[in-house]
């Protein structure tokens, strides 16, 4: 299970295999969660869309942090599996 708290930009991630949980700050207040598998490895990648600047901020499990400007502030982000 995963919860994103938009007021603080903090992710709460529960690992069902181990029973452990992780508290992970990634994002700012007002960001929109758009988690998906962005690098094609079959694993969840933490990511947010920031309407204020139109940038998708991604933390890919294989290639690390990146940002992509795509969209405008009034767009509604829709996560998908974008495999390079």
Protein backbone atom coordinates (compact mmCIF):
# COMPACT_ATOMS: atom_id res chain seq x y z
CA UNK A 1 0.00 0.00 0.00
CA UNK A 2 1.12 3.56 -0.60
CA UNK A 3 -0.25 6.86 0.66
CA UNK A 4 0.85 10.30 -0.53
CA UNK A 5 0.08 13.21 1.77
CA UNK A 6 -0.23 16.30 -0.51
CA UNK A 7 -0.17 18.81 2.34
CA UNK A 8 3.39 17.77 3.24
CA UNK A 9 4.73 16.00 0.13
CA UNK A 10 5.46 12.83 2.12
CA UNK A 11 4.95 9.25 0.89
CA UNK A 12 4.07 6.40 3.27
CA UNK A 13 4.99 3.09 1.66
CA UNK A 14 4.08 -0.32 3.10
CA UNK A 15 6.03 -3.34 1.85
CA UNK A 16 3.64 -6.30 1.98
CA UNK A 17 6.48 -8.80 1.46
CA UNK A 18 8.39 -7.75 4.57
CA UNK A 19 5.73 -6.03 6.67
CA UNK A 20 7.97 -2.98 6.93
CA UNK A 21 7.02 0.59 6.12
CA UNK A 22 8.97 3.56 4.81
CA UNK A 23 8.29 7.25 5.28
CA UNK A 24 9.67 9.02 2.25
CA UNK A 25 9.64 12.79 1.69
CA UNK A 26 9.43 13.48 -2.06
CA UNK A 27 7.50 16.47 -3.31
CA UNK A 28 6.03 19.69 -1.99
CA UNK A 29 2.64 20.69 -0.70
CA UNK A 30 0.27 20.90 -3.66
CA UNK A 31 2.09 18.31 -5.79
CA UNK A 32 0.01 15.55 -7.40
CA UNK A 33 1.11 11.90 -7.03
CA UNK A 34 1.71 10.17 -10.38
CA UNK A 35 3.47 6.96 -9.32
CA UNK A 36 3.93 4.35 -12.04
CA UNK A 37 6.69 2.25 -13.60
CA UNK A 38 8.53 4.90 -15.63
CA UNK A 39 11.68 2.90 -16.40
CA UNK A 40 10.18 -0.45 -17.41
CA UNK A 41 11.68 -2.57 -14.62
CA UNK A 42 8.34 -3.69 -13.21
CA UNK A 43 8.77 -1.65 -10.01
CA UNK A 44 6.86 1.36 -8.68
CA UNK A 45 8.67 4.69 -9.18
CA UNK A 46 7.91 7.53 -6.78
CA UNK A 47 6.90 10.60 -8.78
CA UNK A 48 4.88 13.80 -8.55
CA UNK A 49 3.50 16.37 -10.95
CA UNK A 50 3.94 19.98 -9.82
CA UNK A 51 1.17 22.14 -11.35
CA UNK A 52 2.94 25.37 -10.42
CA UNK A 53 5.78 24.69 -12.89
CA UNK A 54 4.36 21.91 -15.13
CA UNK A 55 7.20 19.52 -14.26
CA UNK A 56 6.93 15.79 -13.54
CA UNK A 57 9.55 14.90 -10.88
CA UNK A 58 10.53 11.23 -11.03
CA UNK A 59 12.65 9.01 -8.81
CA UNK A 60 13.19 5.99 -11.04
CA UNK A 61 14.34 2.80 -9.34
CA UNK A 62 17.01 2.16 -12.01
CA UNK A 63 18.18 5.59 -13.16
CA UNK A 64 17.54 7.92 -10.23
CA UNK A 65 16.09 11.42 -10.11
CA UNK A 66 14.87 13.39 -13.10
CA UNK A 67 12.38 16.00 -14.13
CA UNK A 68 10.35 16.41 -17.30
CA UNK A 69 8.41 19.53 -18.25
CA UNK A 70 5.15 18.36 -19.78
CA UNK A 71 1.79 20.09 -19.56
CA UNK A 72 0.41 23.29 -18.09
CA UNK A 73 -0.85 24.13 -14.60
CA UNK A 74 -4.51 23.38 -15.41
CA UNK A 75 -3.81 19.91 -16.85
CA UNK A 76 -4.79 16.79 -14.91
CA UNK A 77 -1.82 14.41 -14.57
CA UNK A 78 -2.46 10.82 -15.59
CA UNK A 79 0.30 8.33 -14.75
CA UNK A 80 1.15 5.61 -17.23
CA UNK A 81 3.99 3.18 -17.88
CA UNK A 82 6.33 5.21 -20.07
CA UNK A 83 9.11 2.82 -20.99
CA UNK A 84 12.17 4.43 -22.63
